[in-house]
Amino acid sequence: MKVAIVGASGAVGQEFLRVLAERDFPIDELLLFGSARSAGRTYDFRGKPVGVRLLQHGDDFRGVDIAFTSAGAGVSKEYAADITKHGAVMIDNSSAFRMDPDVPLVVPECNAADALSRPRGIIANPNCTTIMMVVALQAIEQLSHIRRIHVASYQAASGAGAAAMDELCEQYRQVLAGEPVTVEKFPYQLAFNVIPQIDVFQENDYTKEEMKMYNETRKIMHSDVAVSATCVRVPSLRSHSESIWLETERPVSVEEARRAIAGGEGLVLMDNPAAKEYPMPLFLSGKDPVYVGRIRKDLANPNGLTFWLVSDQIRKGAALNAVQIAEYLVRCGDIC
């Protein structure tokens, strides 16, 4: 198997290297691509150095079976034809193709089979907040159809990249030292603050991030579910959290929901309020599953449930989900 990673020097690209190695993905040859700034760097993969090549138009992807791309929507759109023209499957982590009708948007725990129909040779990886949420929703959907969802996300600095994490740490230092605070990666100072804006506002006053959760959830789950989201940047470093309220067609008991979550694919139930056991990003960064706790009835809706979840958005929210898609294709014999 010949595998390529585009955007190898970025946070998600580096996570691809770790996840592929940890999961022993079958790779005979690995190609790394990046911008002029990162071309020439060398990274270790399974004990061997692999150099980063300059991404350019041409036939560099000839013979590639799977290309993981995470270099931004603009790069994905510009190079999609080069990547796929010789038959490579492009698993794209950007927003470039997510809502295209001829590009499947896949979370393997929910709709893995959609990956088998890809007219353009492209499979889209959803937004990180959507991925985390639908893994949990899928378990409840098996009990009763979900009619509507309200969700508030609490998104770590890492969602804005490695430089944003560095800025948050520097802001904390600056505040404690009484120095002027540097603000470049966020609309406002994030240290000791929360910012109720992620991405740009749309005409309906929801942000682009919030509308991604609306549109992507419906596409992944093949559902008419209504979704209303508020996405908030919080001053933690890594792993996102979400508070979810949902309404099902029939009342679902807390006991049913707990059993469904405990047995759900990609989920870990962490729900023991009496012992103060619930998911927190501080302790779950670097982990693969989606952790769910605080499951309880919604006091405002007889058909409602509410719960809290945490997941590492660089792993399950990005690199891991993409690799799981590739693993599914290999298991199906679609790529060999």
C-alpha atoms as a PDB file:
ATOM      1  CA  MET A   1       0.000   0.000   0.000  1.00  0.00           C
ATOM      2  CA  LYS A   2       1.278   3.403  -1.005  1.00  0.00           C
ATOM      3  CA  VAL A   3       0.020   6.199   1.248  1.00  0.00           C
ATOM      4  CA  ALA A   4       0.475   9.960   1.073  1.00  0.00           C
ATOM      5  CA  ILE A   5      -0.061  12.708   3.643  1.00  0.00           C
ATOM      6  CA  VAL A   6      -0.561  16.254   2.399  1.00  0.00           C
ATOM      7  CA  GLY A   7       0.086  18.839   5.091  1.00  0.00           C
ATOM      8  CA  ALA A   8       2.460  16.540   6.930  1.00  0.00           C
ATOM      9  CA  SER A   9       4.018  19.280   9.079  1.00  0.00           C
ATOM     10  CA  GLY A  10       0.755  20.560  10.539  1.00  0.00           C
ATOM     11  CA  ALA A  11      -0.838  19.442  13.799  1.00  0.00           C
ATOM     12  CA  VAL A  12      -3.197  17.014  12.068  1.00  0.00           C
ATOM     13  CA  GLY A  13      -0.491  15.819   9.687  1.00  0.00           C
ATOM     14  CA  GLN A  14       1.711  14.943  12.636  1.00  0.00           C
ATOM     15  CA  GLU A  15      -1.226  13.172  14.263  1.00  0.00           C
ATOM     16  CA  PHE A  16      -1.692  11.159  11.067  1.00  0.00           C
ATOM     17  CA  LEU A  17       1.858   9.855  11.459  1.00  0.00           C
ATOM     18  CA  ARG A  18       1.234   8.841  15.069  1.00  0.00           C
ATOM     19  CA  VAL A  19      -2.152   7.232  14.424  1.00  0.00           C
ATOM     20  CA  LEU A  20      -0.990   5.292  11.358  1.00  0.00           C
ATOM     21  CA  ALA A  21       1.979   3.935  13.329  1.00  0.00           C
ATOM     22  CA  GLU A  22      -0.025   3.112  16.464  1.00  0.00           C
ATOM     23  CA  ARG A  23      -2.717   1.256  14.514  1.00  0.00           C
ATOM     24  CA  ASP A  24      -0.204  -0.581  12.340  1.00  0.00           C
ATOM     25  CA  PHE A  25      -1.909   0.556   9.156  1.00  0.00           C
ATOM     26  CA  PRO A  26      -0.568  -1.460   6.200  1.00  0.00           C
ATOM     27  CA  ILE A  27       1.906   0.857   4.456  1.00  0.00           C
ATOM     28  CA  ASP A  28       4.643  -0.240   2.084  1.00  0.00           C
ATOM     29  CA  GLU A  29       5.596   3.264   1.020  1.00  0.00           C
ATOM     30  CA  LEU A  30       4.796   6.591   2.676  1.00  0.00           C
ATOM     31  CA  LEU A  31       4.975   9.940   0.892  1.00  0.00           C
ATOM     32  CA  LEU A  32       4.829  13.241   2.755  1.00  0.00           C
ATOM     33  CA  PHE A  33       3.939  16.532   1.065  1.00  0.00           C
ATOM     34  CA  GLY A  34       3.967  20.099   2.288  1.00  0.00           C
ATOM     35  CA  SER A  35       4.416  23.743   1.407  1.00  0.00           C
ATOM     36  CA  ALA A  36       7.695  25.377   0.458  1.00  0.00           C
ATOM     37  CA  ARG A  37       8.120  26.234   4.137  1.00  0.00           C
ATOM     38  CA  SER A  38       8.009  22.599   5.265  1.00  0.00           C
ATOM     39  CA  ALA A  39       9.513  20.860   2.219  1.00  0.00           C
ATOM     40  CA  GLY A  40      12.822  19.242   3.114  1.00  0.00           C
ATOM     41  CA  ARG A  41      11.918  18.484   6.716  1.00  0.00           C
ATOM     42  CA  THR A  42      12.297  14.900   7.853  1.00  0.00           C
ATOM     43  CA  TYR A  43      10.004  12.951  10.164  1.00  0.00           C
ATOM     44  CA  ASP A  44      10.431   9.542  11.714  1.00  0.00           C
ATOM     45  CA  PHE A  45       7.888   6.889  10.780  1.00  0.00           C
ATOM     46  CA  ARG A  46       8.299   3.404  12.215  1.00  0.00           C
ATOM     47  CA  GLY A  47      11.963   4.025  12.864  1.00  0.00           C
ATOM     48  CA  LYS A  48      12.791   5.353   9.412  1.00  0.00           C
ATOM     49  CA  PRO A  49      13.213   8.963   8.247  1.00  0.00           C
ATOM     50  CA  VAL A  50      10.732  10.229   5.653  1.00  0.00           C
ATOM     51  CA  GLY A  51      11.323  13.547   3.933  1.00  0.00           C
ATOM     52  CA  VAL A  52       8.647  16.092   3.083  1.00  0.00           C
ATOM     53  CA  ARG A  53       8.292  16.802  -0.614  1.00  0.00           C
ATOM     54  CA  LEU A  54       7.056  20.075  -2.076  1.00  0.00           C
ATOM     55  CA  LEU A  55       3.407  19.790  -3.067  1.00  0.00           C
ATOM     56  CA  GLN A  56       3.124  20.749  -6.721  1.00  0.00           C
ATOM     57  CA  HIS A  57       1.025  19.996  -9.764  1.00  0.00           C
ATOM     58  CA  GLY A  58       2.059  16.910 -11.705  1.00  0.00           C
ATOM     59  CA  ASP A  59       2.143  13.148 -11.352  1.00  0.00           C
ATOM     60  CA  ASP A  60       3.602  12.769  -7.853  1.00  0.00           C
ATOM     61  CA  PHE A  61       0.496  10.843  -6.749  1.00  0.00           C
ATOM     62  CA  ARG A  62       0.791   8.174  -9.432  1.00  0.00           C
ATOM     63  CA  GLY A  63       0.545   4.785  -7.718  1.00  0.00           C
ATOM     64  CA  VAL A  64      -0.765   6.239  -4.444  1.00  0.00           C
ATOM     65  CA  ASP A  65      -3.646   4.217  -2.967  1.00  0.00           C
ATOM     66  CA  ILE A  66      -4.766   6.610  -0.207  1.00  0.00           C
ATOM     67  CA  ALA A  67      -3.970  10.288   0.268  1.00  0.00           C
ATOM     68  CA  PHE A  68      -4.803  11.941   3.578  1.00  0.00           C
ATOM     69  CA  THR A  69      -5.057  15.691   3.045  1.00  0.00           C
ATOM     70  CA  SER A  70      -5.031  18.310   5.799  1.00  0.00           C
ATOM     71  CA  ALA A  71      -3.605  21.521   4.412  1.00  0.00           C
ATOM     72  CA  GLY A  72      -6.716  23.690   4.221  1.00  0.00           C
ATOM     73  CA  ALA A  73      -9.686  23.946   1.891  1.00  0.00           C
ATOM     74  CA  GLY A  74      -7.866  26.035  -0.691  1.00  0.00           C
ATOM     75  CA  VAL A  75      -5.069  23.488  -1.094  1.00  0.00           C
ATOM     76  CA  SER A  76      -7.544  20.593  -1.244  1.00  0.00           C
ATOM     77  CA  LYS A  77      -9.544  22.248  -4.017  1.00  0.00           C
ATOM     78  CA  GLU A  78      -6.454  23.186  -6.002  1.00  0.00           C
ATOM     79  CA  TYR A  79      -4.794  19.770  -5.868  1.00  0.00           C
ATOM     80  CA  ALA A  80      -7.780  17.374  -5.800  1.00  0.00           C
ATOM     81  CA  ALA A  81      -7.459  16.591  -9.513  1.00  0.00           C
ATOM     82  CA  ASP A  82      -3.720  15.892  -9.212  1.00  0.00           C
ATOM     83  CA  ILE A  83      -4.274  13.635  -6.210  1.00  0.00           C
ATOM     84  CA  THR A  84      -7.141  11.573  -7.634  1.00  0.00           C
ATOM     85  CA  LYS A  85      -6.436  11.415 -11.360  1.00  0.00           C
ATOM     86  CA  HIS A  86      -4.412   8.184 -11.113  1.00  0.00           C
ATOM     87  CA  GLY A  87      -6.912   6.445  -8.820  1.00  0.00           C
ATOM     88  CA  ALA A  88      -5.878   7.487  -5.335  1.00  0.00           C
ATOM     89  CA  VAL A  89      -8.653   7.816  -2.763  1.00  0.00           C
ATOM     90  CA  MET A  90      -8.439  11.281  -1.256  1.00  0.00           C
ATOM     91  CA  ILE A  91      -9.612  11.449   2.371  1.00  0.00           C
ATOM     92  CA  ASP A  92      -9.849  15.170   2.973  1.00  0.00           C
ATOM     93  CA  ASN A  93      -9.833  16.795   6.391  1.00  0.00           C
ATOM     94  CA  SER A  94     -10.768  20.278   5.176  1.00  0.00           C
ATOM     95  CA  SER A  95     -14.184  21.850   4.628  1.00  0.00           C
ATOM     96  CA  ALA A  96     -13.673  21.947   0.851  1.00  0.00           C
ATOM     97  CA  PHE A  97     -16.000  19.132  -0.196  1.00  0.00           C
ATOM     98  CA  ARG A  98     -18.085  18.262   2.860  1.00  0.00           C
ATOM     99  CA  MET A  99     -21.407  19.416   1.508  1.00  0.00           C
ATOM    100  CA  ASP A 100     -20.838  18.431  -2.127  1.00  0.00           C
ATOM    101  CA  PRO A 101     -23.585  15.940  -3.049  1.00  0.00           C
ATOM    102  CA  ASP A 102     -21.142  13.676  -4.896  1.00  0.00           C
ATOM    103  CA  VAL A 103     -18.647  13.502  -2.003  1.00  0.00           C
ATOM    104  CA  PRO A 104     -19.498  11.221   0.947  1.00  0.00           C
ATOM    105  CA  LEU A 105     -19.120  12.735   4.410  1.00  0.00           C
ATOM    106  CA  VAL A 106     -18.187   9.870   6.695  1.00  0.00           C
ATOM    107  CA  VAL A 107     -17.948   8.969  10.360  1.00  0.00           C
ATOM    108  CA  PRO A 108     -17.344   5.188  10.362  1.00  0.00           C
ATOM    109  CA  GLU A 109     -19.430   4.533  13.490  1.00  0.00           C
ATOM    110  CA  CYS A 110     -22.416   6.113  11.725  1.00  0.00           C
ATOM    111  CA  ASN A 111     -22.265   5.751   7.946  1.00  0.00           C
ATOM    112  CA  ALA A 112     -19.145   3.811   6.925  1.00  0.00           C
ATOM    113  CA  ALA A 113     -20.804   2.332   3.828  1.00  0.00           C
ATOM    114  CA  ASP A 114     -21.173   5.802   2.321  1.00  0.00           C
ATOM    115  CA  ALA A 115     -17.404   5.732   1.728  1.00  0.00           C
ATOM    116  CA  LEU A 116     -17.842   3.028  -0.909  1.00  0.00           C
ATOM    117  CA  SER A 117     -19.647   5.396  -3.281  1.00  0.00           C
ATOM    118  CA  ARG A 118     -17.318   8.256  -4.206  1.00  0.00           C
ATOM    119  CA  PRO A 119     -17.739   9.406  -7.823  1.00  0.00           C
ATOM    120  CA  ARG A 120     -14.923  11.933  -7.566  1.00  0.00           C
ATOM    121  CA  GLY A 121     -12.542   9.698  -5.644  1.00  0.00           C
ATOM    122  CA  ILE A 122     -12.892  11.973  -2.598  1.00  0.00           C
ATOM    123  CA  ILE A 123     -14.193  11.217   0.900  1.00  0.00           C
ATOM    124  CA  ALA A 124     -14.691  14.149   3.264  1.00  0.00           C
ATOM    125  CA  ASN A 125     -13.804  14.083   6.943  1.00  0.00           C
ATOM    126  CA  PRO A 126     -16.413  16.089   8.894  1.00  0.00           C
ATOM    127  CA  ASN A 127     -15.804  18.982  11.236  1.00  0.00           C
ATOM    128  CA  CYS A 128     -14.364  17.872  14.574  1.00  0.00           C
ATOM    129  CA  THR A 129     -17.336  18.997  16.671  1.00  0.00           C
ATOM    130  CA  THR A 130     -19.734  17.167  14.370  1.00  0.00           C
ATOM    131  CA  ILE A 131     -17.729  13.938  14.474  1.00  0.00           C
ATOM    132  CA  MET A 132     -17.710  13.838  18.264  1.00  0.00           C
ATOM    133  CA  MET A 133     -21.407  14.530  18.503  1.00  0.00           C
ATOM    134  CA  VAL A 134     -22.708  12.081  15.895  1.00  0.00           C
ATOM    135  CA  VAL A 135     -20.746   9.161  17.375  1.00  0.00           C
ATOM    136  CA  ALA A 136     -22.797   9.632  20.543  1.00  0.00           C
ATOM    137  CA  LEU A 137     -26.016  10.448  18.692  1.00  0.00           C
ATOM    138  CA  GLN A 138     -25.799   7.227  16.686  1.00  0.00           C
ATOM    139  CA  ALA A 139     -26.173   5.168  19.851  1.00  0.00           C
ATOM    140  CA  ILE A 140     -29.345   7.056  20.818  1.00  0.00           C
ATOM    141  CA  GLU A 141     -30.714   7.015  17.259  1.00  0.00           C
ATOM    142  CA  GLN A 142     -30.785   3.212  17.462  1.00  0.00           C
ATOM    143  CA  LEU A 143     -33.269   3.528  20.344  1.00  0.00           C
ATOM    144  CA  SER A 144     -35.532   6.208  18.888  1.00  0.00           C
ATOM    145  CA  HIS A 145     -35.257   8.687  16.026  1.00  0.00           C
ATOM    146  CA  ILE A 146     -33.796  12.023  17.138  1.00  0.00           C
ATOM    147  CA  ARG A 147     -36.011  14.920  16.123  1.00  0.00           C
ATOM    148  CA  ARG A 148     -33.959  17.893  17.302  1.00  0.00           C
ATOM    149  CA  ILE A 149     -30.687  18.749  18.974  1.00  0.00           C
ATOM    150  CA  HIS A 150     -29.437  21.747  20.890  1.00  0.00           C
ATOM    151  CA  VAL A 151     -25.697  21.728  21.475  1.00  0.00           C
ATOM    152  CA  ALA A 152     -23.171  24.050  23.092  1.00  0.00           C
ATOM    153  CA  SER A 153     -19.537  23.297  22.302  1.00  0.00           C
ATOM    154  CA  TYR A 154     -16.576  24.226  24.485  1.00  0.00           C
ATOM    155  CA  GLN A 155     -13.651  24.159  22.081  1.00  0.00           C
ATOM    156  CA  ALA A 156     -10.005  24.119  23.101  1.00  0.00           C
ATOM    157  CA  ALA A 157      -7.304  26.396  21.714  1.00  0.00           C
ATOM    158  CA  SER A 158      -5.866  23.497  19.723  1.00  0.00           C
ATOM    159  CA  GLY A 159      -8.860  23.728  17.404  1.00  0.00           C
ATOM    160  CA  ALA A 160      -7.221  26.874  16.022  1.00  0.00           C
ATOM    161  CA  GLY A 161      -3.839  25.177  15.544  1.00  0.00           C
ATOM    162  CA  ALA A 162      -0.528  24.750  17.329  1.00  0.00           C
ATOM    163  CA  ALA A 163       0.256  28.473  17.185  1.00  0.00           C
ATOM    164  CA  ALA A 164      -3.022  29.195  18.979  1.00  0.00           C
ATOM    165  CA  MET A 165      -2.044  26.822  21.779  1.00  0.00           C
ATOM    166  CA  ASP A 166       1.274  28.650  22.098  1.00  0.00           C
ATOM    167  CA  GLU A 167      -0.543  31.981  22.183  1.00  0.00           C
ATOM    168  CA  LEU A 168      -2.850  30.822  24.982  1.00  0.00           C
ATOM    169  CA  CYS A 169       0.126  29.720  27.106  1.00  0.00           C
ATOM    170  CA  GLU A 170       1.867  33.024  26.420  1.00  0.00           C
ATOM    171  CA  GLN A 171      -1.282  34.962  27.308  1.00  0.00           C
ATOM    172  CA  TYR A 172      -1.489  33.238  30.684  1.00  0.00           C
ATOM    173  CA  ARG A 173       2.166  34.102  31.328  1.00  0.00           C
ATOM    174  CA  GLN A 174       1.639  37.703  30.253  1.00  0.00           C
ATOM    175  CA  VAL A 175      -1.449  38.189  32.423  1.00  0.00           C
ATOM    176  CA  LEU A 176       0.250  36.743  35.503  1.00  0.00           C
ATOM    177  CA  ALA A 177       3.338  38.859  34.859  1.00  0.00           C
ATOM    178  CA  GLY A 178       1.293  42.028  34.424  1.00  0.00           C
ATOM    179  CA  GLU A 179       2.455  42.457  30.820  1.00  0.00           C
ATOM    180  CA  PRO A 180       0.432  43.552  27.759  1.00  0.00           C
ATOM    181  CA  VAL A 181      -1.392  40.579  26.283  1.00  0.00           C
ATOM    182  CA  THR A 182      -0.669  39.412  22.735  1.00  0.00           C
ATOM    183  CA  VAL A 183      -3.843  38.710  20.706  1.00  0.00           C
ATOM    184  CA  GLU A 184      -3.336  37.364  17.188  1.00  0.00           C
ATOM    185  CA  LYS A 185      -5.023  33.978  16.803  1.00  0.00           C
ATOM    186  CA  PHE A 186      -8.343  34.787  18.502  1.00  0.00           C
ATOM    187  CA  PRO A 187     -10.799  37.705  18.284  1.00  0.00           C
ATOM    188  CA  TYR A 188     -10.032  38.561  21.921  1.00  0.00           C
ATOM    189  CA  GLN A 189      -7.776  37.472  24.763  1.00  0.00           C
ATOM    190  CA  LEU A 190      -8.601  33.830  25.511  1.00  0.00           C
ATOM    191  CA  ALA A 191      -6.692  33.418  28.774  1.00  0.00           C
ATOM    192  CA  PHE A 192      -9.095  33.750  31.729  1.00  0.00           C
ATOM    193  CA  ASN A 193     -11.911  34.248  29.211  1.00  0.00           C
ATOM    194  CA  VAL A 194     -14.353  32.441  26.899  1.00  0.00           C
ATOM    195  CA  ILE A 195     -15.212  33.682  23.396  1.00  0.00           C
ATOM    196  CA  PRO A 196     -18.656  32.863  21.959  1.00  0.00           C
ATOM    197  CA  GLN A 197     -17.446  32.929  18.376  1.00  0.00           C
ATOM    198  CA  ILE A 198     -15.677  30.296  16.290  1.00  0.00           C
ATOM    199  CA  ASP A 199     -15.275  31.150  12.607  1.00  0.00           C
ATOM    200  CA  VAL A 200     -17.148  33.977  10.886  1.00  0.00           C
ATOM    201  CA  PHE A 201     -20.777  34.983  11.370  1.00  0.00           C
ATOM    202  CA  GLN A 202     -23.302  34.105   8.682  1.00  0.00           C
ATOM    203  CA  GLU A 203     -26.386  36.082   7.590  1.00  0.00           C
ATOM    204  CA  ASN A 204     -28.523  34.301  10.213  1.00  0.00           C
ATOM    205  CA  ASP A 205     -26.054  35.340  12.972  1.00  0.00           C
ATOM    206  CA  TYR A 206     -24.909  31.764  13.496  1.00  0.00           C
ATOM    207  CA  THR A 207     -21.207  31.233  12.868  1.00  0.00           C
ATOM    208  CA  LYS A 208     -19.861  29.069  10.092  1.00  0.00           C
ATOM    209  CA  GLU A 209     -18.769  26.519  12.715  1.00  0.00           C
ATOM    210  CA  GLU A 210     -22.309  26.347  14.097  1.00  0.00           C
ATOM    211  CA  MET A 211     -23.825  25.887  10.639  1.00  0.00           C
ATOM    212  CA  LYS A 212     -21.356  23.085   9.945  1.00  0.00           C
ATOM    213  CA  MET A 213     -22.859  21.192  12.875  1.00  0.00           C
ATOM    214  CA  TYR A 214     -26.355  21.738  11.455  1.00  0.00           C
ATOM    215  CA  ASN A 215     -25.611  20.722   7.870  1.00  0.00           C
ATOM    216  CA  GLU A 216     -23.053  17.974   8.439  1.00  0.00           C
ATOM    217  CA  THR A 217     -25.098  16.141  11.082  1.00  0.00           C
ATOM    218  CA  ARG A 218     -28.051  15.856   8.708  1.00  0.00           C
ATOM    219  CA  LYS A 219     -25.869  14.582   5.863  1.00  0.00           C
ATOM    220  CA  ILE A 220     -23.984  12.011   7.937  1.00  0.00           C
ATOM    221  CA  MET A 221     -27.065  10.629   9.685  1.00  0.00           C
ATOM    222  CA  HIS A 222     -29.286  10.801   6.579  1.00  0.00           C
ATOM    223  CA  SER A 223     -31.733  12.581   8.827  1.00  0.00           C
ATOM    224  CA  ASP A 224     -34.126  15.515   8.944  1.00  0.00           C
ATOM    225  CA  VAL A 225     -32.980  16.287  12.497  1.00  0.00           C
ATOM    226  CA  ALA A 226     -32.993  19.966  13.436  1.00  0.00           C
ATOM    227  CA  VAL A 227     -29.760  21.181  15.010  1.00  0.00           C
ATOM    228  CA  SER A 228     -29.109  24.454  16.821  1.00  0.00           C
ATOM    229  CA  ALA A 229     -25.542  25.056  18.001  1.00  0.00           C
ATOM    230  CA  THR A 230     -23.562  27.625  19.958  1.00  0.00           C
ATOM    231  CA  CYS A 231     -19.802  27.167  19.609  1.00  0.00           C
ATOM    232  CA  VAL A 232     -17.525  28.700  22.239  1.00  0.00           C
ATOM    233  CA  ARG A 233     -13.739  28.909  22.440  1.00  0.00           C
ATOM    234  CA  VAL A 234     -12.525  28.111  25.953  1.00  0.00           C
ATOM    235  CA  PRO A 235      -9.060  28.518  27.503  1.00  0.00           C
ATOM    236  CA  SER A 236      -8.102  24.844  27.635  1.00  0.00           C
ATOM    237  CA  LEU A 237      -5.325  23.497  25.453  1.00  0.00           C
ATOM    238  CA  ARG A 238      -6.608  20.328  23.815  1.00  0.00           C
ATOM    239  CA  SER A 239      -9.812  18.258  23.495  1.00  0.00           C
ATOM    240  CA  HIS A 240     -13.267  19.695  22.907  1.00  0.00           C
ATOM    241  CA  SER A 241     -16.346  19.310  25.102  1.00  0.00           C
ATOM    242  CA  GLU A 242     -20.027  19.493  24.212  1.00  0.00           C
ATOM    243  CA  SER A 243     -23.249  19.804  26.178  1.00  0.00           C
ATOM    244  CA  ILE A 244     -26.118  18.229  24.247  1.00  0.00           C
ATOM    245  CA  TRP A 245     -29.887  18.359  24.625  1.00  0.00           C
ATOM    246  CA  LEU A 246     -31.874  16.123  22.281  1.00  0.00           C
ATOM    247  CA  GLU A 247     -35.481  15.198  21.680  1.00  0.00           C
ATOM    248  CA  THR A 248     -36.455  11.703  20.504  1.00  0.00           C
ATOM    249  CA  GLU A 249     -39.713  10.469  18.986  1.00  0.00           C
ATOM    250  CA  ARG A 250     -40.466   8.451  22.095  1.00  0.00           C
ATOM    251  CA  PRO A 251     -39.233   8.968  25.634  1.00  0.00           C
ATOM    252  CA  VAL A 252     -35.875   7.267  26.197  1.00  0.00           C
ATOM    253  CA  SER A 253     -34.980   6.474  29.789  1.00  0.00           C
ATOM    254  CA  VAL A 254     -31.643   7.329  31.327  1.00  0.00           C
ATOM    255  CA  GLU A 255     -31.016   3.621  31.882  1.00  0.00           C
ATOM    256  CA  GLU A 256     -31.619   2.869  28.170  1.00  0.00           C
ATOM    257  CA  ALA A 257     -29.343   5.687  27.138  1.00  0.00           C
ATOM    258  CA  ARG A 258     -26.555   4.576  29.450  1.00  0.00           C
ATOM    259  CA  ARG A 259     -26.722   1.021  28.120  1.00  0.00           C
ATOM    260  CA  ALA A 260     -26.678   2.287  24.540  1.00  0.00           C
ATOM    261  CA  ILE A 261     -23.689   4.545  25.174  1.00  0.00           C
ATOM    262  CA  ALA A 262     -21.822   1.826  27.066  1.00  0.00           C
ATOM    263  CA  GLY A 263     -22.269  -0.555  24.150  1.00  0.00           C
ATOM    264  CA  GLY A 264     -21.842   2.009  21.384  1.00  0.00           C
ATOM    265  CA  GLU A 265     -18.964   1.846  18.943  1.00  0.00           C
ATOM    266  CA  GLY A 266     -16.245   4.378  19.693  1.00  0.00           C
ATOM    267  CA  LEU A 267     -17.858   5.424  22.973  1.00  0.00           C
ATOM    268  CA  VAL A 268     -16.873   5.190  26.622  1.00  0.00           C
ATOM    269  CA  LEU A 269     -19.467   5.735  29.342  1.00  0.00           C
ATOM    270  CA  MET A 270     -18.021   7.856  32.163  1.00  0.00           C
ATOM    271  CA  ASP A 271     -21.095   8.654  34.191  1.00  0.00           C
ATOM    272  CA  ASN A 272     -21.010   8.348  37.973  1.00  0.00           C
ATOM    273  CA  PRO A 273     -22.169  11.666  39.453  1.00  0.00           C
ATOM    274  CA  ALA A 274     -22.054  10.396  43.042  1.00  0.00           C
ATOM    275  CA  ALA A 275     -18.311   9.798  42.674  1.00  0.00           C
ATOM    276  CA  LYS A 276     -17.771  12.971  40.602  1.00  0.00           C
ATOM    277  CA  GLU A 277     -16.864  10.870  37.564  1.00  0.00           C
ATOM    278  CA  TYR A 278     -17.507  12.599  34.256  1.00  0.00           C
ATOM    279  CA  PRO A 279     -15.416  13.413  31.170  1.00  0.00           C
ATOM    280  CA  MET A 280     -12.957  16.320  31.319  1.00  0.00           C
ATOM    281  CA  PRO A 281     -10.533  17.437  28.609  1.00  0.00           C
ATOM    282  CA  LEU A 282      -7.599  17.730  31.014  1.00  0.00           C
ATOM    283  CA  PHE A 283      -7.529  13.957  31.457  1.00  0.00           C
ATOM    284  CA  LEU A 284      -8.681  12.743  28.038  1.00  0.00           C
ATOM    285  CA  SER A 285      -6.323  14.448  25.592  1.00  0.00           C
ATOM    286  CA  GLY A 286      -4.542  11.921  23.410  1.00  0.00           C
ATOM    287  CA  LYS A 287      -7.309   9.332  23.819  1.00  0.00           C
ATOM    288  CA  ASP A 288      -9.265   7.838  20.908  1.00  0.00           C
ATOM    289  CA  PRO A 289     -12.880   7.416  22.110  1.00  0.00           C
ATOM    290  CA  VAL A 290     -15.705   9.843  22.673  1.00  0.00           C
ATOM    291  CA  TYR A 291     -16.392   9.938  26.420  1.00  0.00           C
ATOM    292  CA  VAL A 292     -19.970  10.541  27.588  1.00  0.00           C
ATOM    293  CA  GLY A 293     -21.325  11.419  31.032  1.00  0.00           C
ATOM    294  CA  ARG A 294     -23.877  13.513  32.935  1.00  0.00           C
ATOM    295  CA  ILE A 295     -26.704  11.604  31.199  1.00  0.00           C
ATOM    296  CA  ARG A 296     -30.059  12.749  32.548  1.00  0.00           C
ATOM    297  CA  LYS A 297     -33.626  13.544  31.559  1.00  0.00           C
ATOM    298  CA  ASP A 298     -34.306  16.980  30.162  1.00  0.00           C
ATOM    299  CA  LEU A 299     -36.574  18.656  32.694  1.00  0.00           C
ATOM    300  CA  ALA A 300     -38.010  20.907  29.977  1.00  0.00           C
ATOM    301  CA  ASN A 301     -39.000  18.140  27.562  1.00  0.00           C
ATOM    302  CA  PRO A 302     -40.648  14.762  28.332  1.00  0.00           C
ATOM    303  CA  ASN A 303     -38.979  13.253  25.249  1.00  0.00           C
ATOM    304  CA  GLY A 304     -35.661  14.873  26.012  1.00  0.00           C
ATOM    305  CA  LEU A 305     -32.251  13.743  27.196  1.00  0.00           C
ATOM    306  CA  THR A 306     -29.190  15.785  27.987  1.00  0.00           C
ATOM    307  CA  PHE A 307     -25.572  14.699  28.358  1.00  0.00           C
ATOM    308  CA  TRP A 308     -21.958  15.883  28.253  1.00  0.00           C
ATOM    309  CA  LEU A 309     -19.168  14.552  26.063  1.00  0.00           C
ATOM    310  CA  VAL A 310     -15.440  15.070  25.584  1.00  0.00           C
ATOM    311  CA  SER A 311     -13.116  13.913  22.830  1.00  0.00           C
ATOM    312  CA  ASP A 312      -9.689  14.789  21.475  1.00  0.00           C
ATOM    313  CA  GLN A 313     -10.543  16.745  18.348  1.00  0.00           C
ATOM    314  CA  ILE A 314      -7.112  16.233  16.762  1.00  0.00           C
ATOM    315  CA  ARG A 315      -7.481  12.453  17.063  1.00  0.00           C
ATOM    316  CA  LYS A 316     -11.109  11.363  16.718  1.00  0.00           C
ATOM    317  CA  GLY A 317     -12.068  14.793  15.437  1.00  0.00           C
ATOM    318  CA  ALA A 318      -9.550  14.641  12.597  1.00  0.00           C
ATOM    319  CA  ALA A 319      -6.713  12.151  12.027  1.00  0.00           C
ATOM    320  CA  LEU A 320      -8.192   9.068  13.696  1.00  0.00           C
ATOM    321  CA  ASN A 321     -11.539   9.397  11.921  1.00  0.00           C
ATOM    322  CA  ALA A 322      -9.785   9.633   8.549  1.00  0.00           C
ATOM    323  CA  VAL A 323      -7.624   6.590   9.277  1.00  0.00           C
ATOM    324  CA  GLN A 324     -10.698   4.640  10.403  1.00  0.00           C
ATOM    325  CA  ILE A 325     -12.292   5.423   7.034  1.00  0.00           C
ATOM    326  CA  ALA A 326      -9.210   4.043   5.296  1.00  0.00           C
ATOM    327  CA  GLU A 327      -9.250   0.935   7.519  1.00  0.00           C
ATOM    328  CA  TYR A 328     -12.872   0.338   6.557  1.00  0.00           C
ATOM    329  CA  LEU A 329     -12.004   0.535   2.852  1.00  0.00           C
ATOM    330  CA  VAL A 330      -9.193  -1.969   3.350  1.00  0.00           C
ATOM    331  CA  ARG A 331     -11.455  -4.377   5.280  1.00  0.00           C
ATOM    332  CA  CYS A 332     -14.039  -4.178   2.501  1.00  0.00           C
ATOM    333  CA  GLY A 333     -11.411  -4.995  -0.109  1.00  0.00           C
ATOM    334  CA  ASP A 334     -12.107  -1.644  -1.740  1.00  0.00           C
ATOM    335  CA  ILE A 335      -8.409  -0.778  -1.448  1.00  0.00           C
ATOM    336  CA  CYS A 336      -5.682  -3.374  -1.294  1.00  0.00           C
END
